[in-house]
PDB file of N, CA and C in Angstrom:
ATOM      1  N   UNK A   1     -41.808 -48.553 -33.794  1.00  0.00           N
ATOM      2  CA  UNK A   1     -40.428 -48.455 -33.378  1.00  0.00           C
ATOM      3  C   UNK A   1     -39.501 -48.935 -34.499  1.00  0.00           C
ATOM      4  N   UNK A   2     -39.812 -50.056 -35.129  1.00  0.00           N
ATOM      5  CA  UNK A   2     -38.999 -50.567 -36.226  1.00  0.00           C
ATOM      6  C   UNK A   2     -39.045 -49.633 -37.420  1.00  0.00           C
ATOM      7  N   UNK A   3     -40.213 -49.028 -37.661  1.00  0.00           N
ATOM      8  CA  UNK A   3     -40.341 -48.093 -38.768  1.00  0.00           C
ATOM      9  C   UNK A   3     -39.436 -46.887 -38.568  1.00  0.00           C
ATOM     10  N   UNK A   4     -39.343 -46.407 -37.329  1.00  0.00           N
ATOM     11  CA  UNK A   4     -38.478 -45.265 -37.030  1.00  0.00           C
ATOM     12  C   UNK A   4     -37.021 -45.602 -37.304  1.00  0.00           C
ATOM     13  N   UNK A   5     -36.578 -46.774 -36.891  1.00  0.00           N
ATOM     14  CA  UNK A   5     -35.195 -47.188 -37.133  1.00  0.00           C
ATOM     15  C   UNK A   5     -34.921 -47.331 -38.621  1.00  0.00           C
ATOM     16  N   UNK A   6     -35.879 -47.908 -39.335  1.00  0.00           N
ATOM     17  CA  UNK A   6     -35.721 -48.074 -40.775  1.00  0.00           C
ATOM     18  C   UNK A   6     -35.631 -46.708 -41.452  1.00  0.00           C
ATOM     19  N   UNK A   7     -36.479 -45.802 -41.025  1.00  0.00           N
ATOM     20  CA  UNK A   7     -36.475 -44.458 -41.607  1.00  0.00           C
ATOM     21  C   UNK A   7     -35.141 -43.761 -41.334  1.00  0.00           C
ATOM     22  N   UNK A   8     -34.624 -43.885 -40.093  1.00  0.00           N
ATOM     23  CA  UNK A   8     -33.339 -43.288 -39.755  1.00  0.00           C
ATOM     24  C   UNK A   8     -32.225 -43.899 -40.579  1.00  0.00           C
ATOM     25  N   UNK A   9     -32.276 -45.200 -40.779  1.00  0.00           N
ATOM     26  CA  UNK A   9     -31.252 -45.878 -41.573  1.00  0.00           C
ATOM     27  C   UNK A   9     -31.304 -45.391 -43.015  1.00  0.00           C
ATOM     28  N   UNK A  10     -32.500 -45.279 -43.582  1.00  0.00           N
ATOM     29  CA  UNK A  10     -32.645 -44.764 -44.942  1.00  0.00           C
ATOM     30  C   UNK A  10     -32.143 -43.336 -45.036  1.00  0.00           C
ATOM     31  N   UNK A  11     -32.429 -42.531 -44.003  1.00  0.00           N
ATOM     32  CA  UNK A  11     -31.982 -41.146 -43.984  1.00  0.00           C
ATOM     33  C   UNK A  11     -30.460 -41.085 -43.943  1.00  0.00           C
ATOM     34  N   UNK A  12     -29.836 -41.902 -43.106  1.00  0.00           N
ATOM     35  CA  UNK A  12     -28.375 -41.941 -43.032  1.00  0.00           C
ATOM     36  C   UNK A  12     -27.785 -42.341 -44.367  1.00  0.00           C
ATOM     37  N   UNK A  13     -28.391 -43.312 -45.004  1.00  0.00           N
ATOM     38  CA  UNK A  13     -27.881 -43.756 -46.293  1.00  0.00           C
ATOM     39  C   UNK A  13     -27.990 -42.643 -47.323  1.00  0.00           C
ATOM     40  N   UNK A  14     -29.058 -41.891 -47.289  1.00  0.00           N
ATOM     41  CA  UNK A  14     -29.209 -40.821 -48.269  1.00  0.00           C
ATOM     42  C   UNK A  14     -28.200 -39.702 -48.005  1.00  0.00           C
ATOM     43  N   UNK A  15     -27.873 -39.446 -46.754  1.00  0.00           N
ATOM     44  CA  UNK A  15     -26.856 -38.449 -46.422  1.00  0.00           C
ATOM     45  C   UNK A  15     -25.498 -38.912 -46.937  1.00  0.00           C
ATOM     46  N   UNK A  16     -25.196 -40.175 -46.715  1.00  0.00           N
ATOM     47  CA  UNK A  16     -23.933 -40.736 -47.193  1.00  0.00           C
ATOM     48  C   UNK A  16     -23.871 -40.715 -48.714  1.00  0.00           C
ATOM     49  N   UNK A  17     -24.962 -41.101 -49.356  1.00  0.00           N
ATOM     50  CA  UNK A  17     -25.002 -41.083 -50.816  1.00  0.00           C
ATOM     51  C   UNK A  17     -24.811 -39.670 -51.346  1.00  0.00           C
ATOM     52  N   UNK A  18     -25.461 -38.729 -50.698  1.00  0.00           N
ATOM     53  CA  UNK A  18     -25.345 -37.333 -51.120  1.00  0.00           C
ATOM     54  C   UNK A  18     -23.907 -36.844 -50.957  1.00  0.00           C
ATOM     55  N   UNK A  19     -23.298 -37.164 -49.830  1.00  0.00           N
ATOM     56  CA  UNK A  19     -21.909 -36.762 -49.583  1.00  0.00           C
ATOM     57  C   UNK A  19     -20.978 -37.376 -50.624  1.00  0.00           C
ATOM     58  N   UNK A  20     -21.229 -38.621 -50.975  1.00  0.00           N
ATOM     59  CA  UNK A  20     -20.388 -39.295 -51.967  1.00  0.00           C
ATOM     60  C   UNK A  20     -20.511 -38.686 -53.354  1.00  0.00           C
ATOM     61  N   UNK A  21     -21.648 -38.054 -53.627  1.00  0.00           N
ATOM     62  CA  UNK A  21     -21.873 -37.494 -54.965  1.00  0.00           C
ATOM     63  C   UNK A  21     -21.410 -36.044 -55.102  1.00  0.00           C
ATOM     64  N   UNK A  22     -20.979 -35.419 -54.006  1.00  0.00           N
ATOM     65  CA  UNK A  22     -20.558 -34.013 -54.079  1.00  0.00           C
ATOM     66  C   UNK A  22     -19.050 -33.906 -54.232  1.00  0.00           C
ATOM     67  N   UNK A  23     -18.573 -32.742 -54.665  1.00  0.00           N
ATOM     68  CA  UNK A  23     -17.124 -32.561 -54.768  1.00  0.00           C
ATOM     69  C   UNK A  23     -16.438 -32.824 -53.430  1.00  0.00           C
ATOM     70  N   UNK A  24     -15.335 -33.510 -53.485  1.00  0.00           N
ATOM     71  CA  UNK A  24     -14.629 -33.936 -52.280  1.00  0.00           C
ATOM     72  C   UNK A  24     -14.279 -32.760 -51.369  1.00  0.00           C
ATOM     73  N   UNK A  25     -13.969 -31.617 -51.923  1.00  0.00           N
ATOM     74  CA  UNK A  25     -13.564 -30.443 -51.141  1.00  0.00           C
ATOM     75  C   UNK A  25     -14.659 -29.994 -50.164  1.00  0.00           C
ATOM     76  N   UNK A  26     -15.919 -30.263 -50.483  1.00  0.00           N
ATOM     77  CA  UNK A  26     -17.041 -29.815 -49.645  1.00  0.00           C
ATOM     78  C   UNK A  26     -17.618 -30.933 -48.772  1.00  0.00           C
ATOM     79  N   UNK A  27     -17.166 -32.135 -48.940  1.00  0.00           N
ATOM     80  CA  UNK A  27     -17.741 -33.304 -48.259  1.00  0.00           C
ATOM     81  C   UNK A  27     -17.665 -33.211 -46.735  1.00  0.00           C
ATOM     82  N   UNK A  28     -16.505 -32.893 -46.202  1.00  0.00           N
ATOM     83  CA  UNK A  28     -16.355 -32.856 -44.743  1.00  0.00           C
ATOM     84  C   UNK A  28     -17.217 -31.775 -44.096  1.00  0.00           C
ATOM     85  N   UNK A  29     -17.304 -30.603 -44.733  1.00  0.00           N
ATOM     86  CA  UNK A  29     -18.124 -29.540 -44.140  1.00  0.00           C
ATOM     87  C   UNK A  29     -19.604 -29.913 -44.181  1.00  0.00           C
ATOM     88  N   UNK A  30     -20.026 -30.588 -45.242  1.00  0.00           N
ATOM     89  CA  UNK A  30     -21.411 -31.051 -45.329  1.00  0.00           C
ATOM     90  C   UNK A  30     -21.716 -32.073 -44.236  1.00  0.00           C
ATOM     91  N   UNK A  31     -20.849 -33.072 -44.108  1.00  0.00           N
ATOM     92  CA  UNK A  31     -21.071 -34.117 -43.099  1.00  0.00           C
ATOM     93  C   UNK A  31     -21.038 -33.548 -41.692  1.00  0.00           C
ATOM     94  N   UNK A  32     -20.179 -32.579 -41.457  1.00  0.00           N
ATOM     95  CA  UNK A  32     -20.120 -31.919 -40.158  1.00  0.00           C
ATOM     96  C   UNK A  32     -21.421 -31.165 -39.882  1.00  0.00           C
ATOM     97  N   UNK A  33     -21.933 -30.491 -40.903  1.00  0.00           N
ATOM     98  CA  UNK A  33     -23.166 -29.719 -40.746  1.00  0.00           C
ATOM     99  C   UNK A  33     -24.374 -30.618 -40.471  1.00  0.00           C
ATOM    100  N   UNK A  34     -24.523 -31.690 -41.236  1.00  0.00           N
ATOM    101  CA  UNK A  34     -25.699 -32.548 -41.055  1.00  0.00           C
ATOM    102  C   UNK A  34     -25.628 -33.382 -39.782  1.00  0.00           C
ATOM    103  N   UNK A  35     -24.441 -33.518 -39.215  1.00  0.00           N
ATOM    104  CA  UNK A  35     -24.323 -34.263 -37.959  1.00  0.00           C
ATOM    105  C   UNK A  35     -24.451 -33.353 -36.743  1.00  0.00           C
ATOM    106  N   UNK A  36     -24.568 -32.032 -36.980  1.00  0.00           N
ATOM    107  CA  UNK A  36     -24.729 -31.081 -35.881  1.00  0.00           C
ATOM    108  C   UNK A  36     -23.426 -30.686 -35.227  1.00  0.00           C
ATOM    109  N   UNK A  37     -22.304 -31.008 -35.847  1.00  0.00           N
ATOM    110  CA  UNK A  37     -20.998 -30.708 -35.260  1.00  0.00           C
ATOM    111  C   UNK A  37     -20.396 -29.410 -35.796  1.00  0.00           C
ATOM    112  N   UNK A  38     -20.986 -28.838 -36.809  1.00  0.00           N
ATOM    113  CA  UNK A  38     -20.454 -27.608 -37.404  1.00  0.00           C
ATOM    114  C   UNK A  38     -20.942 -26.394 -36.620  1.00  0.00           C
ATOM    115  N   UNK A  39     -20.188 -25.319 -36.706  1.00  0.00           N
ATOM    116  CA  UNK A  39     -20.655 -24.060 -36.146  1.00  0.00           C
ATOM    117  C   UNK A  39     -21.805 -23.568 -37.025  1.00  0.00           C
ATOM    118  N   UNK A  40     -22.655 -22.687 -36.516  1.00  0.00           N
ATOM    119  CA  UNK A  40     -23.724 -22.154 -37.366  1.00  0.00           C
ATOM    120  C   UNK A  40     -23.170 -21.537 -38.663  1.00  0.00           C
ATOM    121  N   UNK A  41     -22.072 -20.828 -38.555  1.00  0.00           N
ATOM    122  CA  UNK A  41     -21.480 -20.203 -39.741  1.00  0.00           C
ATOM    123  C   UNK A  41     -21.070 -21.255 -40.776  1.00  0.00           C
ATOM    124  N   UNK A  42     -20.432 -22.328 -40.332  1.00  0.00           N
ATOM    125  CA  UNK A  42     -20.003 -23.371 -41.257  1.00  0.00           C
ATOM    126  C   UNK A  42     -21.179 -24.159 -41.823  1.00  0.00           C
ATOM    127  N   UNK A  43     -22.230 -24.308 -41.039  1.00  0.00           N
ATOM    128  CA  UNK A  43     -23.433 -24.970 -41.541  1.00  0.00           C
ATOM    129  C   UNK A  43     -24.082 -24.129 -42.642  1.00  0.00           C
ATOM    130  N   UNK A  44     -24.098 -22.822 -42.471  1.00  0.00           N
ATOM    131  CA  UNK A  44     -24.640 -21.921 -43.490  1.00  0.00           C
ATOM    132  C   UNK A  44     -23.782 -21.996 -44.749  1.00  0.00           C
ATOM    133  N   UNK A  45     -22.466 -22.016 -44.591  1.00  0.00           N
ATOM    134  CA  UNK A  45     -21.576 -22.153 -45.749  1.00  0.00           C
ATOM    135  C   UNK A  45     -21.885 -23.433 -46.512  1.00  0.00           C
ATOM    136  N   UNK A  46     -22.034 -24.532 -45.784  1.00  0.00           N
ATOM    137  CA  UNK A  46     -22.320 -25.819 -46.420  1.00  0.00           C
ATOM    138  C   UNK A  46     -23.641 -25.753 -47.184  1.00  0.00           C
ATOM    139  N   UNK A  47     -24.653 -25.127 -46.582  1.00  0.00           N
ATOM    140  CA  UNK A  47     -25.955 -25.006 -47.239  1.00  0.00           C
ATOM    141  C   UNK A  47     -25.849 -24.171 -48.511  1.00  0.00           C
ATOM    142  N   UNK A  48     -25.205 -23.018 -48.404  1.00  0.00           N
ATOM    143  CA  UNK A  48     -25.099 -22.113 -49.549  1.00  0.00           C
ATOM    144  C   UNK A  48     -24.304 -22.727 -50.697  1.00  0.00           C
ATOM    145  N   UNK A  49     -23.213 -23.385 -50.373  1.00  0.00           N
ATOM    146  CA  UNK A  49     -22.406 -24.039 -51.407  1.00  0.00           C
ATOM    147  C   UNK A  49     -23.238 -25.090 -52.136  1.00  0.00           C
ATOM    148  N   UNK A  50     -23.971 -25.878 -51.387  1.00  0.00           N
ATOM    149  CA  UNK A  50     -24.805 -26.908 -52.004  1.00  0.00           C
ATOM    150  C   UNK A  50     -25.904 -26.271 -52.857  1.00  0.00           C
ATOM    151  N   UNK A  51     -26.535 -25.257 -52.321  1.00  0.00           N
ATOM    152  CA  UNK A  51     -27.626 -24.569 -53.017  1.00  0.00           C
ATOM    153  C   UNK A  51     -27.171 -24.006 -54.368  1.00  0.00           C
ATOM    154  N   UNK A  52     -25.935 -23.514 -54.408  1.00  0.00           N
ATOM    155  CA  UNK A  52     -25.426 -22.878 -55.618  1.00  0.00           C
ATOM    156  C   UNK A  52     -24.637 -23.848 -56.501  1.00  0.00           C
ATOM    157  N   UNK A  53     -24.888 -25.129 -56.342  1.00  0.00           N
ATOM    158  CA  UNK A  53     -24.297 -26.123 -57.221  1.00  0.00           C
ATOM    159  C   UNK A  53     -22.813 -26.335 -57.020  1.00  0.00           C
ATOM    160  N   UNK A  54     -22.342 -26.089 -55.803  1.00  0.00           N
ATOM    161  CA  UNK A  54     -20.940 -26.279 -55.426  1.00  0.00           C
ATOM    162  C   UNK A  54     -19.997 -25.334 -56.176  1.00  0.00           C
ATOM    163  N   UNK A  55     -20.515 -24.177 -56.530  1.00  0.00           N
ATOM    164  CA  UNK A  55     -19.699 -23.152 -57.186  1.00  0.00           C
ATOM    165  C   UNK A  55     -19.607 -21.974 -56.232  1.00  0.00           C
ATOM    166  N   UNK A  56     -18.462 -21.851 -55.569  1.00  0.00           N
ATOM    167  CA  UNK A  56     -18.287 -20.852 -54.517  1.00  0.00           C
ATOM    168  C   UNK A  56     -18.557 -19.434 -55.016  1.00  0.00           C
ATOM    169  N   UNK A  57     -18.096 -19.111 -56.208  1.00  0.00           N
ATOM    170  CA  UNK A  57     -18.289 -17.750 -56.722  1.00  0.00           C
ATOM    171  C   UNK A  57     -19.769 -17.409 -56.893  1.00  0.00           C
ATOM    172  N   UNK A  58     -20.606 -18.410 -57.087  1.00  0.00           N
ATOM    173  CA  UNK A  58     -22.041 -18.166 -57.226  1.00  0.00           C
ATOM    174  C   UNK A  58     -22.677 -17.783 -55.895  1.00  0.00           C
ATOM    175  N   UNK A  59     -22.094 -18.222 -54.787  1.00  0.00           N
ATOM    176  CA  UNK A  59     -22.612 -17.856 -53.469  1.00  0.00           C
ATOM    177  C   UNK A  59     -22.498 -16.344 -53.289  1.00  0.00           C
ATOM    178  N   UNK A  60     -21.390 -15.779 -53.705  1.00  0.00           N
ATOM    179  CA  UNK A  60     -21.180 -14.334 -53.610  1.00  0.00           C
ATOM    180  C   UNK A  60     -22.210 -13.574 -54.441  1.00  0.00           C
ATOM    181  N   UNK A  61     -22.579 -14.141 -55.583  1.00  0.00           N
ATOM    182  CA  UNK A  61     -23.512 -13.479 -56.502  1.00  0.00           C
ATOM    183  C   UNK A  61     -24.981 -13.757 -56.179  1.00  0.00           C
ATOM    184  N   UNK A  62     -25.230 -14.599 -55.200  1.00  0.00           N
ATOM    185  CA  UNK A  62     -26.602 -15.021 -54.899  1.00  0.00           C
ATOM    186  C   UNK A  62     -27.516 -13.823 -54.671  1.00  0.00           C
ATOM    187  N   UNK A  63     -28.635 -13.836 -55.373  1.00  0.00           N
ATOM    188  CA  UNK A  63     -29.626 -12.758 -55.240  1.00  0.00           C
ATOM    189  C   UNK A  63     -30.974 -13.287 -54.768  1.00  0.00           C
ATOM    190  N   UNK A  64     -30.976 -14.454 -54.158  1.00  0.00           N
ATOM    191  CA  UNK A  64     -32.219 -15.067 -53.684  1.00  0.00           C
ATOM    192  C   UNK A  64     -32.647 -14.391 -52.395  1.00  0.00           C
ATOM    193  N   UNK A  65     -33.404 -13.308 -52.521  1.00  0.00           N
ATOM    194  CA  UNK A  65     -33.767 -12.523 -51.345  1.00  0.00           C
ATOM    195  C   UNK A  65     -34.794 -13.210 -50.449  1.00  0.00           C
ATOM    196  N   UNK A  66     -35.497 -14.217 -50.979  1.00  0.00           N
ATOM    197  CA  UNK A  66     -36.485 -14.912 -50.153  1.00  0.00           C
ATOM    198  C   UNK A  66     -35.869 -16.060 -49.351  1.00  0.00           C
ATOM    199  N   UNK A  67     -34.561 -16.267 -49.467  1.00  0.00           N
ATOM    200  CA  UNK A  67     -33.883 -17.281 -48.664  1.00  0.00           C
ATOM    201  C   UNK A  67     -33.681 -16.739 -47.248  1.00  0.00           C
ATOM    202  N   UNK A  68     -34.063 -17.493 -46.226  1.00  0.00           N
ATOM    203  CA  UNK A  68     -33.903 -17.001 -44.859  1.00  0.00           C
ATOM    204  C   UNK A  68     -32.445 -16.819 -44.448  1.00  0.00           C
ATOM    205  N   UNK A  69     -31.525 -17.396 -45.191  1.00  0.00           N
ATOM    206  CA  UNK A  69     -30.105 -17.272 -44.863  1.00  0.00           C
ATOM    207  C   UNK A  69     -29.406 -16.187 -45.686  1.00  0.00           C
ATOM    208  N   UNK A  70     -30.144 -15.476 -46.501  1.00  0.00           N
ATOM    209  CA  UNK A  70     -29.537 -14.480 -47.392  1.00  0.00           C
ATOM    210  C   UNK A  70     -28.655 -13.481 -46.662  1.00  0.00           C
ATOM    211  N   UNK A  71     -29.110 -12.976 -45.551  1.00  0.00           N
ATOM    212  CA  UNK A  71     -28.329 -11.974 -44.821  1.00  0.00           C
ATOM    213  C   UNK A  71     -27.081 -12.567 -44.178  1.00  0.00           C
ATOM    214  N   UNK A  72     -27.022 -13.883 -44.077  1.00  0.00           N
ATOM    215  CA  UNK A  72     -25.906 -14.553 -43.418  1.00  0.00           C
ATOM    216  C   UNK A  72     -24.994 -15.286 -44.400  1.00  0.00           C
ATOM    217  N   UNK A  73     -25.269 -15.150 -45.682  1.00  0.00           N
ATOM    218  CA  UNK A  73     -24.518 -15.937 -46.653  1.00  0.00           C
ATOM    219  C   UNK A  73     -23.027 -15.637 -46.588  1.00  0.00           C
ATOM    220  N   UNK A  74     -22.227 -16.659 -46.798  1.00  0.00           N
ATOM    221  CA  UNK A  74     -20.771 -16.478 -46.722  1.00  0.00           C
ATOM    222  C   UNK A  74     -20.231 -15.880 -48.023  1.00  0.00           C
ATOM    223  N   UNK A  75     -19.000 -15.478 -47.943  1.00  0.00           N
ATOM    224  CA  UNK A  75     -18.247 -14.983 -49.089  1.00  0.00           C
ATOM    225  C   UNK A  75     -18.821 -13.700 -49.673  1.00  0.00           C
ATOM    226  N   UNK A  76     -19.626 -12.969 -48.881  1.00  0.00           N
ATOM    227  CA  UNK A  76     -20.135 -11.685 -49.336  1.00  0.00           C
ATOM    228  C   UNK A  76     -19.039 -10.651 -49.361  1.00  0.00           C
ATOM    229  N   UNK A  77     -19.193  -9.691 -50.205  1.00  0.00           N
ATOM    230  CA  UNK A  77     -18.199  -8.635 -50.303  1.00  0.00           C
ATOM    231  C   UNK A  77     -18.454  -7.597 -49.206  1.00  0.00           C
ATOM    232  N   UNK A  78     -17.411  -6.948 -48.752  1.00  0.00           N
ATOM    233  CA  UNK A  78     -17.545  -5.889 -47.741  1.00  0.00           C
ATOM    234  C   UNK A  78     -18.458  -4.801 -48.294  1.00  0.00           C
ATOM    235  N   UNK A  79     -19.394  -4.364 -47.494  1.00  0.00           N
ATOM    236  CA  UNK A  79     -20.313  -3.313 -47.920  1.00  0.00           C
ATOM    237  C   UNK A  79     -21.423  -3.806 -48.809  1.00  0.00           C
ATOM    238  N   UNK A  80     -21.550  -5.116 -48.957  1.00  0.00           N
ATOM    239  CA  UNK A  80     -22.593  -5.727 -49.785  1.00  0.00           C
ATOM    240  C   UNK A  80     -23.939  -5.467 -49.121  1.00  0.00           C
ATOM    241  N   UNK A  81     -24.801  -4.723 -49.775  1.00  0.00           N
ATOM    242  CA  UNK A  81     -26.123  -4.443 -49.209  1.00  0.00           C
ATOM    243  C   UNK A  81     -27.108  -4.177 -50.323  1.00  0.00           C
ATOM    244  N   UNK A  82     -28.354  -3.953 -49.970  1.00  0.00           N
ATOM    245  CA  UNK A  82     -29.405  -3.676 -50.943  1.00  0.00           C
ATOM    246  C   UNK A  82     -29.545  -2.205 -51.269  1.00  0.00           C
ATOM    247  N   UNK A  83     -28.716  -1.368 -50.683  1.00  0.00           N
ATOM    248  CA  UNK A  83     -28.835   0.071 -50.917  1.00  0.00           C
ATOM    249  C   UNK A  83     -28.479   0.476 -52.320  1.00  0.00           C
TER     250      UNK A  83
END
């Protein structure tokens, strides 16, 4: 039981540390996503932004087809497909 609490505390600290190290503009959406308060769409945005090094334009250019969120990635262009 104590180990579980310690692990949760360490996990919370790492989330806080991670949030503190990211660009301020993305901090609230990240914290909302990891706390389960974000919509699925906003959680995906937070994931993609983080994955692409906090560079929004890179999310649009993402070609990682093996990512399970690829079809749902934000900031895609209209008509963006594999055709």
